[in-house]
Amino acid sequence: PFGNGGTCCATVLGADEVAAKGGLQAVLDGLGSPATLSLRPGIYPLSVPLALTAKHSWLTLEDCGPGVVLQANPDALAAFRTAMLNLQQVNGLTLRGMVLELPVVQIAAAAMRASSACPASWPAPAMP
């Protein structure tokens, strides 16, 4: 079954349409809030990690059929050393039914030391 129960609602785009609009980040940046983007089956290459902020709050990003893959561009792997998705002050984000194809990248020792300085737990976001 599809991640969204077998139906596709709101904005529905395929990989070629997303590419023609400047890529997935550009499409997401152009949506209002709240918004739902349903992706048709295909590979959606990312040249940099997706950056989702408060303006993307209450976003639903879902498949519109099996076979939706978000994939790091193999020619830009250095950009994915720390994340494939950067979430900053985004609330109510829903990701449903997609495959995130995580790249294998080298992580420098300095980055490992910096990440170990993070607190063991983060405060839960306030619900609207």
Protein backbone atom coordinates (compact mmCIF):
# COMPACT_ATOMS: atom_id res chain seq x y z
CA PRO A 1 0.00 0.00 0.00
CA PHE A 2 1.01 3.58 -0.50
CA GLY A 3 2.34 5.50 2.48
CA ASN A 4 -0.68 7.79 2.34
CA GLY A 5 -3.33 5.07 2.18
CA GLY A 6 -3.41 4.68 -1.61
CA THR A 7 -4.52 8.17 -2.56
CA CYS A 8 -2.57 11.20 -3.71
CA CYS A 9 -3.71 14.60 -2.54
CA ALA A 10 -2.68 18.25 -2.78
CA THR A 11 0.40 18.91 -4.92
CA VAL A 12 1.50 15.84 -6.89
CA LEU A 13 4.78 15.92 -8.84
CA GLY A 14 7.08 13.46 -10.59
CA ALA A 15 10.87 13.51 -10.64
CA ASP A 16 11.07 15.36 -13.99
CA GLU A 17 8.62 18.02 -12.78
CA VAL A 18 10.60 18.52 -9.57
CA ALA A 19 13.84 18.85 -11.56
CA ALA A 20 12.22 21.38 -13.92
CA LYS A 21 11.21 23.50 -10.90
CA GLY A 22 14.81 23.63 -9.61
CA GLY A 23 14.86 20.54 -7.42
CA LEU A 24 13.09 19.31 -4.31
CA GLN A 25 14.38 22.12 -2.06
CA ALA A 26 13.00 24.77 -4.44
CA VAL A 27 9.63 23.01 -4.60
CA LEU A 28 9.40 22.72 -0.82
CA ASP A 29 10.42 26.36 -0.39
CA GLY A 30 7.58 27.40 -2.71
CA LEU A 31 4.87 25.63 -0.73
CA GLY A 32 2.80 27.38 1.90
CA SER A 33 2.16 26.07 5.39
CA PRO A 34 0.50 23.72 6.01
CA ALA A 35 1.17 21.82 2.79
CA THR A 36 1.25 18.31 1.37
CA LEU A 37 3.59 17.27 -1.43
CA SER A 38 3.02 13.83 -2.92
CA LEU A 39 5.86 12.51 -5.06
CA ARG A 40 5.31 10.06 -7.90
CA PRO A 41 7.62 7.03 -8.04
CA GLY A 42 11.13 7.94 -9.15
CA ILE A 43 14.56 8.99 -7.98
CA TYR A 44 14.86 12.51 -6.58
CA PRO A 45 18.54 13.53 -6.49
CA LEU A 46 19.72 15.99 -3.85
CA SER A 47 22.83 18.11 -4.49
CA VAL A 48 22.80 19.31 -0.87
CA PRO A 49 20.92 18.13 2.22
CA LEU A 50 17.31 19.29 2.41
CA ALA A 51 17.00 22.27 4.76
CA LEU A 52 13.64 22.38 6.50
CA THR A 53 12.95 25.34 8.79
CA ALA A 54 9.99 26.97 10.54
CA LYS A 55 8.56 28.00 7.15
CA HIS A 56 8.19 24.27 6.38
CA SER A 57 6.19 23.58 9.54
CA TRP A 58 3.19 21.30 9.12
CA LEU A 59 4.60 19.93 5.87
CA THR A 60 3.72 16.43 4.76
CA LEU A 61 6.13 14.94 2.22
CA GLU A 62 4.89 11.57 1.04
CA ASP A 63 4.94 9.00 -1.72
CA CYS A 64 2.22 8.76 -4.34
CA GLY A 65 3.00 5.13 -5.06
CA PRO A 66 5.87 2.82 -4.18
CA GLY A 67 9.36 3.59 -5.45
CA VAL A 68 10.00 7.16 -4.28
CA VAL A 69 13.72 7.50 -3.49
CA LEU A 70 15.50 10.59 -2.16
CA GLN A 71 19.14 10.14 -3.11
CA ALA A 72 22.33 12.11 -2.53
CA ASN A 73 24.01 13.16 -5.76
CA PRO A 74 27.11 10.95 -5.98
CA ASP A 75 29.12 13.90 -7.35
CA ALA A 76 28.36 16.01 -4.24
CA LEU A 77 28.86 13.58 -1.36
CA ALA A 78 30.99 16.01 0.68
CA ALA A 79 27.84 18.08 1.32
CA PHE A 80 26.28 15.09 3.10
CA ARG A 81 28.95 14.55 5.76
CA THR A 82 26.65 15.62 8.58
CA ALA A 83 23.10 15.02 7.33
CA MET A 84 20.71 14.30 4.52
CA LEU A 85 18.00 16.37 6.18
CA ASN A 86 18.71 19.50 8.22
CA LEU A 87 15.77 20.28 10.50
CA GLN A 88 15.76 23.65 12.26
CA GLN A 89 12.71 24.84 14.20
CA VAL A 90 10.33 22.86 11.98
CA ASN A 91 7.18 21.60 13.72
CA GLY A 92 4.66 19.01 12.59
CA LEU A 93 6.81 17.53 9.82
CA THR A 94 5.57 14.25 8.35
CA LEU A 95 7.67 12.06 6.04
CA ARG A 96 5.74 9.08 4.74
CA GLY A 97 6.43 6.14 2.44
CA MET A 98 9.72 7.24 0.87
CA VAL A 99 13.17 5.68 0.84
CA LEU A 100 16.07 7.88 1.95
CA GLU A 101 19.16 6.47 0.28
CA LEU A 102 21.85 7.59 2.69
CA PRO A 103 25.32 8.14 1.24
CA VAL A 104 28.47 6.65 2.69
CA VAL A 105 30.83 9.54 3.39
CA GLN A 106 34.11 10.10 5.21
CA ILE A 107 33.76 11.93 8.53
CA ALA A 108 36.77 13.86 9.80
CA ALA A 109 37.97 13.19 13.35
CA ALA A 110 37.32 16.85 14.28
CA ALA A 111 33.67 16.49 13.28
CA MET A 112 33.36 13.38 15.45
CA ARG A 113 34.71 15.27 18.49
CA ALA A 114 32.34 18.19 17.86
CA SER A 115 29.29 15.94 17.61
CA SER A 116 30.11 14.23 20.92
CA ALA A 117 29.63 17.61 22.65
CA CYS A 118 25.86 17.50 21.95
CA PRO A 119 23.55 17.02 24.93
CA ALA A 120 22.24 13.53 25.57
CA SER A 121 18.65 14.65 25.14
CA TRP A 122 16.84 17.57 23.54
CA PRO A 123 13.73 19.30 24.85
CA ALA A 124 10.48 18.25 23.20
CA PRO A 125 8.94 20.89 20.92
CA ALA A 126 5.84 22.70 22.13
CA MET A 127 2.62 21.65 20.43
CA PRO A 128 0.55 24.42 18.82
